[in-house]
Amino acid sequence: MRELILLRHAHADAASYGQADLDRALSAQGLAEAEAAGRWLAERRLVPDCVLCSPARRTRETLEAVLHVIGYVDQRIEPSIYEATPGALIDLAGQHGEAGRLMIVGHNPGLERLVALLHSGQSSEYRGMPPGGVAVLEMPADGPLEPGVAKLTAFWWP
């Protein structure tokens, strides 16, 4: 089996006048949420082999706070995660099938719809993924990622 961990960025500050959405930073609450997510992952020994992270500042800061708790892992900034559809995220995860445990740090609605699509086969059946939320999906080690192939083994939010 292989695992896919999806981590939504924690709470971010609102954009200031003229600030690009990509440049929004974590709020103090968001930093605490990201650290809590890292502790939750560490307590369950859910340390990824590889992390793919959106280039948005709030996702990078979320990942930094998590890695501060769980330790360094192979990580890559992946521009396609920002505003990605569930299908694009499945393709991206499929390109990293060599990772036994892959983590994607990104945004809604893509992440919450990806959880629903992989678990139930329908992206319209999502129930939400709060800021700082973590979903852990287990899938067969061999075979393609496709709708309905995964089992949701854990879901956590701060």
Protein backbone atom coordinates (compact mmCIF):
# COMPACT_ATOMS: atom_id res chain seq x y z
CA MET A 1 0.00 0.00 0.00
CA ARG A 2 1.01 3.60 -0.43
CA GLU A 3 -0.27 6.70 1.31
CA LEU A 4 -1.19 10.17 0.18
CA ILE A 5 -1.28 12.86 2.85
CA LEU A 6 -3.11 16.04 1.92
CA LEU A 7 -2.44 19.11 4.04
CA ARG A 8 -4.42 22.29 3.52
CA HIS A 9 -2.54 25.46 4.40
CA ALA A 10 -3.38 26.89 7.80
CA HIS A 11 -5.21 30.21 8.36
CA ALA A 12 -3.63 33.10 6.52
CA ASP A 13 -3.85 36.85 6.90
CA ALA A 14 -6.13 38.67 4.48
CA ALA A 15 -4.38 40.25 1.54
CA SER A 16 -3.40 43.85 2.10
CA TYR A 17 -4.16 46.46 -0.53
CA GLY A 18 -2.36 45.52 -3.75
CA GLN A 19 -0.92 42.31 -2.33
CA ALA A 20 -1.07 39.24 -4.55
CA ASP A 21 -2.92 36.22 -3.19
CA LEU A 22 0.28 34.17 -3.58
CA ASP A 23 2.01 36.46 -1.07
CA ARG A 24 -0.43 36.08 1.82
CA ALA A 25 1.35 34.98 5.01
CA LEU A 26 0.13 32.72 7.79
CA SER A 27 -1.58 34.45 10.67
CA ALA A 28 -0.48 33.79 14.25
CA GLN A 29 -3.42 31.38 14.51
CA GLY A 30 -2.29 29.68 11.30
CA LEU A 31 1.24 29.19 12.59
CA ALA A 32 -0.15 27.49 15.71
CA GLU A 33 -2.40 25.31 13.52
CA ALA A 34 0.51 24.27 11.29
CA GLU A 35 2.64 23.35 14.31
CA ALA A 36 -0.28 21.31 15.69
CA ALA A 37 -0.60 19.51 12.35
CA GLY A 38 3.10 18.67 12.54
CA ARG A 39 2.70 17.27 16.06
CA TRP A 40 -0.31 15.19 14.95
CA LEU A 41 1.66 13.76 12.03
CA ALA A 42 4.70 13.06 14.22
CA GLU A 43 2.63 11.33 16.91
CA ARG A 44 1.24 8.96 14.27
CA ARG A 45 4.62 8.53 12.57
CA LEU A 46 3.17 9.86 9.32
CA VAL A 47 6.42 11.29 8.00
CA PRO A 48 6.28 11.61 4.21
CA ASP A 49 8.99 10.39 1.84
CA CYS A 50 8.39 13.41 -0.37
CA VAL A 51 6.40 16.65 -0.12
CA LEU A 52 5.01 18.66 -3.02
CA CYS A 53 4.02 22.19 -2.01
CA SER A 54 2.18 25.02 -3.72
CA PRO A 55 4.32 28.11 -4.28
CA ALA A 56 1.95 30.29 -2.23
CA ARG A 57 3.61 31.83 0.82
CA ARG A 58 0.95 30.46 3.21
CA THR A 59 1.51 26.87 2.00
CA ARG A 60 5.29 27.20 2.23
CA GLU A 61 5.01 28.61 5.76
CA THR A 62 2.61 25.80 6.73
CA LEU A 63 5.11 23.24 5.44
CA GLU A 64 8.02 24.93 7.23
CA ALA A 65 6.16 24.77 10.55
CA VAL A 66 5.28 21.08 10.00
CA LEU A 67 8.85 20.20 9.04
CA HIS A 68 10.13 22.01 12.13
CA VAL A 69 8.27 19.35 14.13
CA ILE A 70 8.72 16.19 12.00
CA GLY A 71 12.17 16.90 10.59
CA TYR A 72 13.51 17.46 7.11
CA VAL A 73 12.11 15.47 4.18
CA ASP A 74 12.55 15.75 0.43
CA GLN A 75 10.40 18.68 -0.69
CA ARG A 76 9.64 20.41 -3.95
CA ILE A 77 7.73 23.54 -4.84
CA GLU A 78 5.17 22.56 -7.46
CA PRO A 79 3.54 25.57 -9.19
CA SER A 80 0.71 23.46 -10.62
CA ILE A 81 -0.76 22.88 -7.13
CA TYR A 82 -1.92 26.49 -6.86
CA GLU A 83 -5.54 26.55 -8.15
CA ALA A 84 -5.30 22.88 -9.21
CA THR A 85 -8.34 20.77 -9.98
CA PRO A 86 -8.71 17.30 -8.43
CA GLY A 87 -7.79 15.76 -11.78
CA ALA A 88 -4.58 17.79 -12.00
CA LEU A 89 -3.69 16.78 -8.43
CA ILE A 90 -4.28 13.09 -9.25
CA ASP A 91 -1.98 13.42 -12.25
CA LEU A 92 0.67 15.11 -10.11
CA ALA A 93 0.47 12.44 -7.39
CA GLY A 94 0.63 9.74 -10.06
CA GLN A 95 3.91 11.20 -11.33
CA HIS A 96 5.39 10.55 -7.87
CA GLY A 97 4.30 6.93 -7.50
CA GLU A 98 7.77 5.97 -6.28
CA ALA A 99 7.05 7.70 -2.97
CA GLY A 100 5.53 5.26 -0.51
CA ARG A 101 4.10 8.20 1.41
CA LEU A 102 3.57 11.42 -0.54
CA MET A 103 2.33 14.67 0.98
CA ILE A 104 0.73 17.48 -1.00
CA VAL A 105 0.41 20.89 0.67
CA GLY A 106 -2.18 22.99 -1.10
CA HIS A 107 -5.51 24.72 -1.21
CA ASN A 108 -9.26 24.26 -1.33
CA PRO A 109 -11.39 23.50 -3.18
CA GLY A 110 -8.87 21.24 -4.95
CA LEU A 111 -7.77 19.26 -1.88
CA GLU A 112 -11.20 18.63 -0.39
CA ARG A 113 -12.56 17.56 -3.78
CA LEU A 114 -9.53 15.31 -4.32
CA VAL A 115 -10.24 13.52 -1.03
CA ALA A 116 -13.84 12.93 -2.10
CA LEU A 117 -12.87 11.83 -5.61
CA LEU A 118 -10.23 9.32 -4.50
CA HIS A 119 -12.38 8.00 -1.65
CA SER A 120 -15.92 7.96 -3.02
CA GLY A 121 -15.34 8.41 -6.73
CA GLN A 122 -17.28 11.69 -6.86
CA SER A 123 -15.77 15.09 -6.29
CA SER A 124 -19.18 16.60 -5.57
CA GLU A 125 -19.46 14.63 -2.30
CA TYR A 126 -16.80 16.57 -0.41
CA ARG A 127 -17.49 17.65 3.16
CA GLY A 128 -14.89 20.32 3.57
CA MET A 129 -11.31 20.53 4.68
CA PRO A 130 -10.64 23.30 7.20
CA PRO A 131 -7.45 25.37 7.22
CA GLY A 132 -4.63 23.23 8.62
CA GLY A 133 -6.64 20.07 7.99
CA VAL A 134 -4.96 16.77 7.15
CA ALA A 135 -6.42 13.85 5.20
CA VAL A 136 -4.59 10.52 4.93
CA LEU A 137 -5.54 8.22 2.06
CA GLU A 138 -4.34 4.66 1.55
CA MET A 139 -4.15 3.20 -1.95
CA PRO A 140 -2.85 0.05 -3.61
CA ALA A 141 0.89 0.23 -4.29
CA ASP A 142 0.47 -0.88 -7.87
CA GLY A 143 -2.04 0.47 -10.33
CA PRO A 144 -3.08 3.96 -11.31
CA LEU A 145 -4.65 6.60 -9.12
CA GLU A 146 -8.26 6.84 -10.13
CA PRO A 147 -11.61 7.79 -8.60
CA GLY A 148 -12.75 5.56 -5.76
CA VAL A 149 -9.43 3.70 -5.34
CA ALA A 150 -8.49 5.09 -1.91
CA LYS A 151 -9.50 4.47 1.68
CA LEU A 152 -9.61 7.49 3.98
CA THR A 153 -7.66 6.25 7.03
CA ALA A 154 -7.41 9.48 9.01
CA PHE A 155 -8.77 13.00 9.01
CA TRP A 156 -7.64 15.72 11.42
CA TRP A 157 -8.10 19.45 11.79
CA PRO A 158 -6.94 21.95 14.42
